[in-house]
């Protein structure tokens, strides 16, 4: 029998019109990912604990079965302003509504009702796993000299597991990313034009598998958006992070990656609190690691992702 190769895999993902109804993704729905961690079956193991005239393991049954996958996707634009990025369907199942302004931009903003679900086909060199009713959460990481990444964590109800040939995938629409740099990336935090070593943002969705009489689903049941940035330390006269942490002052975050239309991704937040600063150093230069709490102002407005 032929062995199977880890690096030969394909992922297809599409939005479901009806929850748990296979959206039948095609080659055009390919997700080009990296750094994948795949758990085909998550379940509770229920012991049978039978009482018999002899001792021994009596086995168990699996309950509340679902699947889990984590993977990264490069953060880049869509090729032209107003085009939907190829990772758009993944952001939508994170509870981010997609709004397209033709020839201008695509915005992803938080929603809490009628969150969309997705169908994932994961084919690992000839064995295909289908997840239905999938929902997810996402982290964003921006580090100088590196390709910025989304990291998605997805839970899905189990569909079929079958032998199936690797499907065709299309790279059309996947844009070559820019590394994070002074030339390509800017960040403003609490009005300060930051000199930063990194920014990470975690949407912070709580993904809850629900297995009840009459209903089974994956649901986003809570959200707490947080982040961390490492910035070069400055004198307090320029920016006083300690005073901001004490006062619980809220200020805006504006982050832009890319300068040419078609390959610009922006992250914005209107009310970010600064947590307890931690002092460190890189290359002998003092820095501060700042925990970030993304707070809503009018509800569901604590974070927006814009692709231009």
Protein backbone atom coordinates (compact mmCIF):
# COMPACT_ATOMS: atom_id res chain seq x y z
CA UNK A 1 0.00 0.00 0.00
CA UNK A 2 1.25 3.49 -0.83
CA UNK A 3 2.20 5.77 2.02
CA UNK A 4 0.56 9.18 2.31
CA UNK A 5 2.57 12.41 2.29
CA UNK A 6 1.80 15.14 4.83
CA UNK A 7 2.57 18.06 2.53
CA UNK A 8 0.13 16.86 -0.15
CA UNK A 9 -3.15 18.30 1.04
CA UNK A 10 -5.97 20.51 -0.11
CA UNK A 11 -8.55 22.62 1.71
CA UNK A 12 -11.74 23.91 0.16
CA UNK A 13 -14.15 26.14 2.07
CA UNK A 14 -17.48 27.74 1.23
CA UNK A 15 -20.30 29.50 3.08
CA UNK A 16 -23.40 27.40 3.75
CA UNK A 17 -26.77 28.73 2.60
CA UNK A 18 -28.39 26.60 5.31
CA UNK A 19 -26.65 25.48 8.49
CA UNK A 20 -25.19 21.97 8.21
CA UNK A 21 -26.08 21.71 4.51
CA UNK A 22 -23.00 20.86 2.44
CA UNK A 23 -21.98 23.94 0.43
CA UNK A 24 -19.98 21.72 -1.97
CA UNK A 25 -16.89 23.95 -2.31
CA UNK A 26 -14.96 23.78 -5.57
CA UNK A 27 -11.42 24.53 -6.77
CA UNK A 28 -12.20 28.26 -6.77
CA UNK A 29 -12.92 27.99 -3.02
CA UNK A 30 -9.43 26.71 -2.22
CA UNK A 31 -7.80 27.88 1.00
CA UNK A 32 -4.02 28.14 0.75
CA UNK A 33 -2.83 27.62 4.29
CA UNK A 34 0.28 26.79 6.27
CA UNK A 35 1.23 25.55 9.74
CA UNK A 36 -1.78 23.25 10.00
CA UNK A 37 -2.86 21.35 13.10
CA UNK A 38 -5.68 18.93 12.32
CA UNK A 39 -7.77 16.90 14.78
CA UNK A 40 -10.15 14.67 12.78
CA UNK A 41 -12.34 13.77 15.78
CA UNK A 42 -12.85 15.53 19.08
CA UNK A 43 -15.26 13.67 21.40
CA UNK A 44 -16.16 12.79 24.94
CA UNK A 45 -15.27 9.25 25.90
CA UNK A 46 -18.07 7.68 27.91
CA UNK A 47 -17.03 4.60 29.87
CA UNK A 48 -19.48 1.70 29.86
CA UNK A 49 -18.30 0.64 33.36
CA UNK A 50 -20.06 -2.74 33.18
CA UNK A 51 -20.24 -4.88 36.32
CA UNK A 52 -19.28 -8.45 35.43
CA UNK A 53 -17.91 -11.53 37.24
CA UNK A 54 -14.42 -10.52 36.14
CA UNK A 55 -12.35 -7.36 35.94
CA UNK A 56 -11.07 -5.67 32.81
CA UNK A 57 -11.61 -2.78 30.45
CA UNK A 58 -15.16 -2.88 29.11
CA UNK A 59 -14.58 -0.23 26.48
CA UNK A 60 -16.32 3.06 25.90
CA UNK A 61 -18.43 4.95 23.40
CA UNK A 62 -17.72 8.30 21.77
CA UNK A 63 -20.18 11.12 22.35
CA UNK A 64 -20.48 14.68 21.08
CA UNK A 65 -18.20 14.20 18.09
CA UNK A 66 -16.86 17.14 16.10
CA UNK A 67 -13.64 18.14 14.35
CA UNK A 68 -11.02 20.81 14.92
CA UNK A 69 -8.46 22.44 12.65
CA UNK A 70 -6.04 25.31 13.12
CA UNK A 71 -4.07 26.89 10.28
CA UNK A 72 -2.50 30.11 9.11
CA UNK A 73 -3.28 32.17 6.01
CA UNK A 74 -1.13 34.98 4.67
CA UNK A 75 -2.55 38.47 5.15
CA UNK A 76 -2.67 40.25 1.81
CA UNK A 77 -5.12 42.13 -0.37
CA UNK A 78 -7.44 40.82 -3.05
CA UNK A 79 -5.75 42.12 -6.21
CA UNK A 80 -7.99 45.14 -6.78
CA UNK A 81 -9.75 47.55 -4.46
CA UNK A 82 -13.28 46.28 -3.81
CA UNK A 83 -12.50 42.66 -4.66
CA UNK A 84 -13.31 40.08 -2.00
CA UNK A 85 -10.16 38.40 -0.63
CA UNK A 86 -9.91 34.64 -0.94
CA UNK A 87 -9.92 34.28 2.84
CA UNK A 88 -13.17 36.24 3.11
CA UNK A 89 -15.33 33.18 3.75
CA UNK A 90 -13.14 32.30 6.76
CA UNK A 91 -13.60 35.76 8.30
CA UNK A 92 -17.35 35.47 7.78
CA UNK A 93 -17.62 32.30 9.89
CA UNK A 94 -15.73 34.15 12.65
CA UNK A 95 -18.77 36.40 13.07
CA UNK A 96 -17.52 39.17 10.79
CA UNK A 97 -20.04 40.51 8.28
CA UNK A 98 -18.67 41.27 4.82
CA UNK A 99 -19.60 44.60 3.23
CA UNK A 100 -18.39 45.28 -0.31
CA UNK A 101 -18.05 48.81 -1.67
CA UNK A 102 -17.41 48.35 -5.38
CA UNK A 103 -13.96 49.41 -6.60
CA UNK A 104 -13.16 50.79 -3.13
CA UNK A 105 -12.96 48.32 -0.24
CA UNK A 106 -14.32 45.28 1.56
CA UNK A 107 -15.04 45.68 5.27
CA UNK A 108 -15.38 42.99 7.93
CA UNK A 109 -17.29 44.06 11.02
CA UNK A 110 -18.54 42.09 14.03
CA UNK A 111 -22.05 40.62 14.10
CA UNK A 112 -23.62 38.48 16.80
CA UNK A 113 -26.88 37.32 15.22
CA UNK A 114 -27.20 35.06 12.18
CA UNK A 115 -23.47 34.31 12.15
CA UNK A 116 -22.65 32.39 8.98
CA UNK A 117 -21.33 28.84 8.89
CA UNK A 118 -19.07 27.04 6.46
CA UNK A 119 -18.34 23.68 4.88
CA UNK A 120 -14.70 22.58 4.88
CA UNK A 121 -13.26 19.82 2.71
CA UNK A 122 -9.88 18.76 4.08
CA UNK A 123 -8.11 16.22 1.88
CA UNK A 124 -4.89 14.75 3.24
CA UNK A 125 -3.27 12.95 0.31
CA UNK A 126 -6.32 10.96 -0.66
CA UNK A 127 -8.38 10.83 2.54
CA UNK A 128 -11.09 13.48 2.64
CA UNK A 129 -12.68 14.83 5.82
CA UNK A 130 -15.77 17.03 5.62
CA UNK A 131 -16.70 19.47 8.39
CA UNK A 132 -20.19 20.98 8.31
CA UNK A 133 -21.68 23.90 10.24
CA UNK A 134 -18.21 25.24 10.97
CA UNK A 135 -17.53 28.40 12.92
CA UNK A 136 -14.19 29.90 13.90
CA UNK A 137 -12.10 32.49 15.64
CA UNK A 138 -9.04 34.29 14.33
CA UNK A 139 -5.78 35.84 15.46
CA UNK A 140 -3.73 38.34 13.44
CA UNK A 141 0.04 38.63 13.78
CA UNK A 142 2.29 41.33 12.33
CA UNK A 143 6.05 41.08 12.91
CA UNK A 144 8.75 43.05 11.02
CA UNK A 145 10.70 41.07 8.41
CA UNK A 146 7.95 38.42 8.43
CA UNK A 147 4.84 37.68 6.36
CA UNK A 148 1.77 38.71 8.39
CA UNK A 149 -0.64 35.88 9.14
CA UNK A 150 -4.19 35.10 10.14
CA UNK A 151 -4.43 32.06 12.41
CA UNK A 152 -7.85 30.47 12.25
CA UNK A 153 -9.19 27.98 14.78
CA UNK A 154 -12.23 26.20 13.35
CA UNK A 155 -14.65 23.70 14.85
CA UNK A 156 -17.05 21.76 12.62
CA UNK A 157 -19.61 19.00 12.87
CA UNK A 158 -18.42 15.75 11.35
CA UNK A 159 -19.48 14.93 7.84
CA UNK A 160 -18.09 11.96 5.96
CA UNK A 161 -14.55 10.59 5.95
CA UNK A 162 -13.75 8.84 2.67
CA UNK A 163 -10.98 7.89 0.29
CA UNK A 164 -11.05 10.56 -2.43
CA UNK A 165 -8.53 11.88 -4.91
CA UNK A 166 -6.94 15.19 -4.07
CA UNK A 167 -9.17 17.89 -5.61
CA UNK A 168 -7.96 20.57 -7.97
CA UNK A 169 -7.22 23.88 -6.28
CA UNK A 170 -6.97 27.31 -7.86
CA UNK A 171 -4.39 29.88 -6.77
CA UNK A 172 -6.24 32.59 -8.69
CA UNK A 173 -6.97 35.56 -6.46
CA UNK A 174 -4.34 34.70 -3.87
CA UNK A 175 -2.04 37.72 -3.75
CA UNK A 176 1.67 37.65 -2.90
CA UNK A 177 1.98 39.21 0.57
CA UNK A 178 4.26 42.00 1.67
CA UNK A 179 6.55 41.55 4.65
CA UNK A 180 5.93 43.86 7.58
CA UNK A 181 8.31 46.84 7.29
CA UNK A 182 8.67 50.59 7.62
CA UNK A 183 7.97 50.95 3.90
CA UNK A 184 4.78 48.89 3.93
CA UNK A 185 3.36 49.19 7.44
CA UNK A 186 2.19 51.95 9.77
CA UNK A 187 0.62 51.90 13.22
CA UNK A 188 -0.88 54.60 15.40
CA UNK A 189 -1.86 53.80 19.00
CA UNK A 190 -3.50 56.37 21.29
CA UNK A 191 -2.41 59.05 18.84
CA UNK A 192 1.26 58.01 18.85
CA UNK A 193 2.88 57.05 15.54
CA UNK A 194 4.33 53.83 16.86
CA UNK A 195 7.77 52.37 16.44
CA UNK A 196 6.84 48.77 17.09
CA UNK A 197 8.37 45.31 17.07
CA UNK A 198 5.07 43.47 16.73
CA UNK A 199 1.29 43.59 16.90
CA UNK A 200 -1.00 40.66 17.57
CA UNK A 201 -4.79 40.75 17.78
CA UNK A 202 -7.06 37.93 18.97
CA UNK A 203 -10.75 38.24 18.08
CA UNK A 204 -11.36 35.99 21.07
CA UNK A 205 -14.48 34.07 20.05
CA UNK A 206 -15.57 31.27 22.37
CA UNK A 207 -16.50 28.28 20.19
CA UNK A 208 -19.00 25.99 21.90
CA UNK A 209 -20.06 22.57 20.59
CA UNK A 210 -23.71 22.04 21.62
CA UNK A 211 -25.10 18.50 21.62
CA UNK A 212 -28.73 18.42 22.74
CA UNK A 213 -31.88 16.40 22.14
CA UNK A 214 -33.27 17.96 19.01
CA UNK A 215 -30.25 20.05 18.03
CA UNK A 216 -26.50 19.77 17.49
CA UNK A 217 -24.34 22.67 16.39
CA UNK A 218 -21.16 24.70 16.78
CA UNK A 219 -21.89 28.20 18.11
CA UNK A 220 -19.97 31.35 19.01
CA UNK A 221 -21.17 31.97 22.57
CA UNK A 222 -18.88 34.79 23.72
CA UNK A 223 -16.18 37.18 22.54
CA UNK A 224 -13.42 39.16 24.24
CA UNK A 225 -11.01 40.80 21.83
CA UNK A 226 -7.47 41.33 23.09
CA UNK A 227 -4.00 41.89 21.74
CA UNK A 228 -0.39 42.69 22.46
CA UNK A 229 2.05 45.11 20.94
CA UNK A 230 5.76 45.50 21.65
CA UNK A 231 6.86 49.10 21.17
CA UNK A 232 10.14 50.92 21.54
CA UNK A 233 10.26 52.71 24.89
CA UNK A 234 10.16 56.49 24.87
CA UNK A 235 10.45 59.13 27.61
CA UNK A 236 7.20 59.78 29.43
CA UNK A 237 6.99 63.30 27.99
CA UNK A 238 6.45 61.72 24.57
CA UNK A 239 4.09 58.87 25.53
CA UNK A 240 3.29 57.72 29.08
CA UNK A 241 1.99 54.13 28.92
CA UNK A 242 2.00 53.86 32.72
CA UNK A 243 -0.42 56.75 33.13
CA UNK A 244 -2.65 55.29 30.45
CA UNK A 245 -2.66 51.91 32.18
CA UNK A 246 -3.54 53.51 35.56
CA UNK A 247 -6.29 55.74 34.16
CA UNK A 248 -7.83 53.03 31.94
CA UNK A 249 -7.88 55.64 29.20
CA UNK A 250 -9.22 54.36 25.92
CA UNK A 251 -7.73 55.38 22.61
CA UNK A 252 -7.79 54.35 18.97
CA UNK A 253 -5.62 51.83 17.16
CA UNK A 254 -5.04 52.32 13.45
CA UNK A 255 -2.90 49.80 11.59
CA UNK A 256 -2.29 49.71 7.84
CA UNK A 257 -0.27 47.14 5.90
CA UNK A 258 0.38 47.81 2.23
CA UNK A 259 0.44 51.03 0.21
CA UNK A 260 -0.89 50.09 -3.23
CA UNK A 261 -4.62 49.60 -3.90
CA UNK A 262 -5.40 45.91 -4.22
CA UNK A 263 -2.90 44.89 -1.57
CA UNK A 264 -3.81 46.93 1.51
CA UNK A 265 -5.19 45.47 4.75
CA UNK A 266 -6.17 47.72 7.64
CA UNK A 267 -7.04 46.94 11.26
CA UNK A 268 -8.87 49.60 13.25
CA UNK A 269 -10.27 49.82 16.76
CA UNK A 270 -11.83 52.93 18.35
CA UNK A 271 -11.40 52.19 22.07
CA UNK A 272 -8.32 50.26 23.16
CA UNK A 273 -7.25 50.08 26.81
CA UNK A 274 -3.58 49.61 27.71
CA UNK A 275 -2.79 46.90 30.24
CA UNK A 276 0.21 46.54 32.56
CA UNK A 277 3.38 47.42 30.61
CA UNK A 278 6.27 44.99 30.84
CA UNK A 279 9.78 46.32 30.20
CA UNK A 280 12.24 44.36 28.09
CA UNK A 281 14.87 44.88 25.44
CA UNK A 282 15.76 43.91 21.90
CA UNK A 283 19.24 44.54 20.48
CA UNK A 284 20.02 46.49 23.65
CA UNK A 285 17.09 48.89 23.03
CA UNK A 286 14.46 49.23 25.79
CA UNK A 287 10.93 48.22 24.83
CA UNK A 288 7.53 47.80 26.42
CA UNK A 289 5.14 44.92 25.90
CA UNK A 290 1.64 46.37 26.12
CA UNK A 291 -1.45 44.18 26.62
CA UNK A 292 -4.40 45.57 24.66
CA UNK A 293 -8.11 45.30 25.47
CA UNK A 294 -10.42 46.10 22.55
CA UNK A 295 -13.59 47.66 23.95
CA UNK A 296 -16.86 48.39 22.14
CA UNK A 297 -18.31 51.90 22.10
CA UNK A 298 -21.82 51.33 20.76
CA UNK A 299 -21.69 47.54 20.65
CA UNK A 300 -19.96 45.16 18.20
CA UNK A 301 -17.67 47.94 16.98
CA UNK A 302 -14.45 47.12 18.85
CA UNK A 303 -12.63 45.83 15.74
CA UNK A 304 -12.83 46.24 11.98
CA UNK A 305 -10.73 44.71 9.20
CA UNK A 306 -10.69 46.55 5.87
CA UNK A 307 -9.24 45.23 2.61
CA UNK A 308 -8.56 47.88 -0.05
